[in-house]
Amino acid sequence: MGRPDKEVTLETLVKHIPYDKGTLFVVQRERSEEAIHQLTQMTPLKVMDGAWSTKNLADLSALLYSLDDYITVSNTNVYIRTGFGKTCTLLDTPTTDFRMNTDEEGNPVWFPGCKLIPF
């Protein structure tokens, strides 16, 4: 069983995707084919499985760097992406985790430029 602050339902994820055109890359280890299929039914975006990239750090880094946007829970990928100076949207439960301390605009100070959306 995973940590509740590291899991988000597909409905919550889709609710926070601000686009109606483009491609959605699923960068999730151990994801199910059923979840990929469900996403294709829930969004007008083309859904691509990016799980291949999680097996090799160079591939993962290249993919995270090339994405226009990244919507996720807090994980190692956020550190990689922000290390490139890229931003992301973090979906997170209310927490006392110091990394989620926020500035006056509600953005996480540990991840500059990223947006925090509590769910």
Protein backbone atom coordinates (compact mmCIF):
# COMPACT_ATOMS: atom_id res chain seq x y z
CA MET A 1 0.00 0.00 0.00
CA GLY A 2 1.36 3.43 -0.96
CA ARG A 3 1.39 6.64 1.00
CA PRO A 4 -1.88 8.61 0.68
CA ASP A 5 0.02 11.81 -0.16
CA LYS A 6 1.71 10.02 -3.06
CA GLU A 7 -1.47 8.79 -4.71
CA VAL A 8 -4.10 10.63 -6.69
CA THR A 9 -7.21 9.30 -8.40
CA LEU A 10 -7.50 9.55 -12.15
CA GLU A 11 -10.51 11.83 -11.65
CA THR A 12 -8.46 14.25 -9.54
CA LEU A 13 -5.61 14.19 -12.04
CA VAL A 14 -7.87 14.88 -15.02
CA LYS A 15 -9.65 17.67 -13.13
CA HIS A 16 -6.33 19.54 -12.87
CA ILE A 17 -5.20 19.16 -16.49
CA PRO A 18 -5.76 22.65 -17.93
CA TYR A 19 -5.53 21.62 -21.57
CA ASP A 20 -7.99 20.39 -24.16
CA LYS A 21 -5.33 19.77 -26.85
CA GLY A 22 -1.99 18.04 -26.75
CA THR A 23 -0.49 14.79 -25.52
CA LEU A 24 -0.61 13.42 -22.00
CA PHE A 25 2.47 11.34 -21.12
CA VAL A 26 1.92 8.95 -18.24
CA VAL A 27 5.25 8.70 -16.40
CA GLN A 28 4.25 6.14 -13.81
CA ARG A 29 6.03 2.98 -12.77
CA GLU A 30 3.86 -0.07 -12.26
CA ARG A 31 0.83 1.57 -13.87
CA SER A 32 -1.90 -0.64 -15.20
CA GLU A 33 -3.02 -0.89 -18.80
CA GLU A 34 -6.53 -0.35 -17.44
CA ALA A 35 -5.50 3.04 -16.03
CA ILE A 36 -4.08 4.07 -19.41
CA HIS A 37 -7.33 3.00 -21.08
CA GLN A 38 -9.42 4.86 -18.49
CA LEU A 39 -7.42 8.05 -19.09
CA THR A 40 -8.07 7.84 -22.83
CA GLN A 41 -11.80 7.77 -22.02
CA MET A 42 -11.62 10.67 -19.52
CA THR A 43 -9.68 13.29 -21.50
CA PRO A 44 -9.65 14.64 -25.06
CA LEU A 45 -5.84 14.51 -24.99
CA LYS A 46 -3.84 11.83 -26.74
CA VAL A 47 -2.53 9.54 -23.97
CA MET A 48 0.97 8.11 -24.31
CA ASP A 49 2.60 5.61 -21.98
CA GLY A 50 5.94 7.01 -20.81
CA ALA A 51 6.65 4.23 -18.30
CA TRP A 52 9.54 3.08 -20.51
CA SER A 53 11.46 6.14 -19.32
CA THR A 54 11.39 5.12 -15.64
CA LYS A 55 13.90 2.31 -16.19
CA ASN A 56 16.78 4.61 -17.19
CA LEU A 57 17.66 7.89 -15.46
CA ALA A 58 18.97 9.51 -18.65
CA ASP A 59 15.75 8.66 -20.54
CA LEU A 60 13.61 9.85 -17.64
CA SER A 61 15.55 13.11 -17.34
CA ALA A 62 15.29 13.76 -21.08
CA LEU A 63 11.53 13.17 -21.05
CA LEU A 64 10.96 15.36 -17.97
CA TYR A 65 13.04 18.13 -19.53
CA SER A 66 11.14 18.04 -22.82
CA LEU A 67 7.61 18.21 -21.37
CA ASP A 68 5.79 21.55 -21.60
CA ASP A 69 4.11 20.96 -18.25
CA TYR A 70 4.23 18.32 -15.54
CA ILE A 71 1.35 17.56 -13.16
CA THR A 72 2.26 15.13 -10.40
CA VAL A 73 2.42 14.24 -6.75
CA SER A 74 5.69 15.01 -5.00
CA ASN A 75 8.31 12.48 -6.10
CA THR A 76 11.86 12.14 -7.41
CA ASN A 77 10.75 13.36 -10.84
CA VAL A 78 9.97 16.77 -9.34
CA TYR A 79 13.57 17.08 -8.12
CA ILE A 80 14.87 16.13 -11.57
CA ARG A 81 12.55 18.55 -13.37
CA THR A 82 13.17 21.49 -11.03
CA GLY A 83 16.90 20.77 -11.26
CA PHE A 84 16.60 21.75 -14.93
CA GLY A 85 14.85 24.97 -13.91
CA LYS A 86 11.50 23.62 -15.12
CA THR A 87 8.27 23.97 -13.17
CA CYS A 88 5.41 21.64 -12.36
CA THR A 89 2.07 21.44 -10.65
CA LEU A 90 2.10 19.41 -7.44
CA LEU A 91 -1.07 17.66 -6.34
CA ASP A 92 -0.71 17.00 -2.63
CA THR A 93 -2.77 16.33 0.44
CA PRO A 94 -2.54 18.84 3.30
CA THR A 95 0.66 17.86 5.07
CA THR A 96 3.23 18.96 7.58
CA ASP A 97 6.06 17.91 5.23
CA PHE A 98 8.60 20.75 5.31
CA ARG A 99 9.03 20.56 1.53
CA MET A 100 5.45 21.73 1.15
CA ASN A 101 5.88 24.89 3.22
CA THR A 102 4.48 27.62 1.02
CA ASP A 103 5.29 31.21 0.22
CA GLU A 104 2.77 34.05 0.43
CA GLU A 105 1.23 32.95 -2.90
CA GLY A 106 0.76 29.34 -1.77
CA ASN A 107 3.59 27.86 -3.83
CA PRO A 108 6.00 25.31 -2.32
CA VAL A 109 9.26 26.98 -1.30
CA TRP A 110 11.21 23.74 -1.74
CA PHE A 111 10.27 23.63 -5.44
CA PRO A 112 10.68 27.19 -6.84
CA GLY A 113 8.22 28.13 -9.57
CA CYS A 114 6.00 25.14 -8.94
CA LYS A 115 2.33 25.40 -8.08
CA LEU A 116 0.81 23.46 -5.16
CA ILE A 117 -2.77 22.23 -5.43
CA PRO A 118 -4.09 20.55 -2.29
CA PHE A 119 -6.67 17.81 -2.84
